[in-house]
Amino acid sequence: MTEQLTAEQTDAACGMGAEEADNVGAIRACVASSLDTYLRQLNGHDCADLHQLVLAEVEPPLLEAVLAYCNGNQTKAARLLGLNRGTLRKKLVHYGIDH
């Protein structure tokens, strides 16, 4: 099952203080912080398909966490995600997630 993090742990993992995290949702803040770090590390080099890269990094743990929350019930997970069950199944196969 997915481990729950406290706000302080999330802030620490994402490299931001409480004030910054209070202004946006914790997930959004963590993604923003990670993207900022990634783009700084590019150091002027080109990057292609950043959108796909972000989806490939964010979507699998999202799917896994929601499935765990729904005890593996794909119908409930799809409803919670706002996806068609068939679309969820395709994504699970795409990312090699067994459930």
Protein backbone atom coordinates (compact mmCIF):
# COMPACT_ATOMS: atom_id res chain seq x y z
CA MET A 1 0.00 0.00 0.00
CA THR A 2 1.14 3.57 -0.64
CA GLU A 3 2.72 5.26 2.39
CA GLN A 4 1.08 8.52 3.48
CA LEU A 5 3.45 11.46 3.97
CA THR A 6 2.89 14.33 6.34
CA ALA A 7 2.86 17.87 4.92
CA GLU A 8 6.31 18.42 6.43
CA GLN A 9 7.68 15.27 4.78
CA THR A 10 6.20 16.27 1.43
CA ASP A 11 7.65 19.76 1.74
CA ALA A 12 11.06 18.36 2.67
CA ALA A 13 10.98 15.84 -0.18
CA CYS A 14 10.04 18.55 -2.64
CA GLY A 15 12.55 21.06 -1.28
CA MET A 16 10.12 23.79 -0.23
CA GLY A 17 9.02 25.47 2.94
CA ALA A 18 5.59 25.49 4.51
CA GLU A 19 4.71 28.96 3.19
CA GLU A 20 5.38 27.97 -0.40
CA ALA A 21 3.46 24.70 -0.06
CA ASP A 22 0.45 26.47 1.48
CA ASN A 23 -0.06 28.48 -1.72
CA VAL A 24 -0.68 25.43 -3.93
CA GLY A 25 -1.69 21.82 -3.47
CA ALA A 26 1.01 19.48 -2.20
CA ILE A 27 1.12 17.38 -5.36
CA ARG A 28 1.24 20.42 -7.62
CA ALA A 29 3.95 21.99 -5.47
CA CYS A 30 6.06 18.84 -5.60
CA VAL A 31 5.71 18.56 -9.38
CA ALA A 32 6.55 22.27 -9.79
CA SER A 33 9.61 21.94 -7.60
CA SER A 34 10.79 18.82 -9.44
CA LEU A 35 10.30 20.49 -12.83
CA ASP A 36 12.19 23.57 -11.69
CA THR A 37 15.10 21.38 -10.60
CA TYR A 38 14.99 19.38 -13.85
CA LEU A 39 14.96 22.49 -16.04
CA ARG A 40 17.82 24.08 -14.09
CA GLN A 41 19.85 20.89 -14.55
CA LEU A 42 19.39 21.09 -18.32
CA ASN A 43 21.89 23.94 -18.13
CA GLY A 44 20.89 25.36 -21.50
CA HIS A 45 20.62 22.02 -23.30
CA ASP A 46 17.55 21.29 -25.40
CA CYS A 47 14.78 19.06 -24.16
CA ALA A 48 12.08 17.42 -26.25
CA ASP A 49 8.77 15.84 -25.25
CA LEU A 50 8.78 17.27 -21.73
CA HIS A 51 5.01 16.77 -21.51
CA GLN A 52 5.37 13.06 -22.23
CA LEU A 53 8.28 12.78 -19.79
CA VAL A 54 6.22 14.33 -17.00
CA LEU A 55 3.23 12.07 -17.73
CA ALA A 56 5.48 9.01 -17.76
CA GLU A 57 6.85 9.99 -14.34
CA VAL A 58 3.58 11.07 -12.69
CA GLU A 59 0.94 8.76 -14.14
CA PRO A 60 2.25 5.36 -12.96
CA PRO A 61 2.44 6.28 -9.26
CA LEU A 62 -0.97 7.98 -9.58
CA LEU A 63 -2.49 4.81 -11.01
CA GLU A 64 -0.79 2.61 -8.42
CA ALA A 65 -1.89 4.81 -5.51
CA VAL A 66 -5.49 4.98 -6.68
CA LEU A 67 -5.64 1.23 -7.30
CA ALA A 68 -4.25 0.58 -3.83
CA TYR A 69 -6.80 3.00 -2.36
CA CYS A 70 -9.56 1.12 -4.21
CA ASN A 71 -8.18 -2.28 -3.13
CA GLY A 72 -7.45 -3.22 -6.73
CA ASN A 73 -11.01 -2.55 -7.91
CA GLN A 74 -10.47 -1.14 -11.40
CA THR A 75 -14.05 0.05 -11.80
CA LYS A 76 -13.81 2.16 -8.63
CA ALA A 77 -10.33 3.35 -9.56
CA ALA A 78 -11.46 4.41 -13.03
CA ARG A 79 -14.40 6.29 -11.54
CA LEU A 80 -12.14 8.04 -9.02
CA LEU A 81 -9.70 9.00 -11.79
CA GLY A 82 -12.48 10.15 -14.11
CA LEU A 83 -11.47 7.59 -16.73
CA ASN A 84 -13.29 4.93 -18.67
CA ARG A 85 -12.42 1.49 -17.25
CA GLY A 86 -11.05 0.45 -20.65
CA THR A 87 -8.78 3.48 -20.72
CA LEU A 88 -7.51 2.63 -17.24
CA ARG A 89 -6.77 -0.93 -18.33
CA LYS A 90 -4.83 0.32 -21.38
CA LYS A 91 -2.77 2.60 -19.15
CA LEU A 92 -2.05 -0.24 -16.74
CA VAL A 93 -0.82 -2.41 -19.61
CA HIS A 94 1.18 0.50 -21.08
CA TYR A 95 3.04 1.06 -17.79
CA GLY A 96 3.29 -2.64 -16.91
CA ILE A 97 1.23 -2.25 -13.76
CA ASP A 98 -0.26 -5.56 -12.57
CA HIS A 99 -3.60 -5.35 -10.81
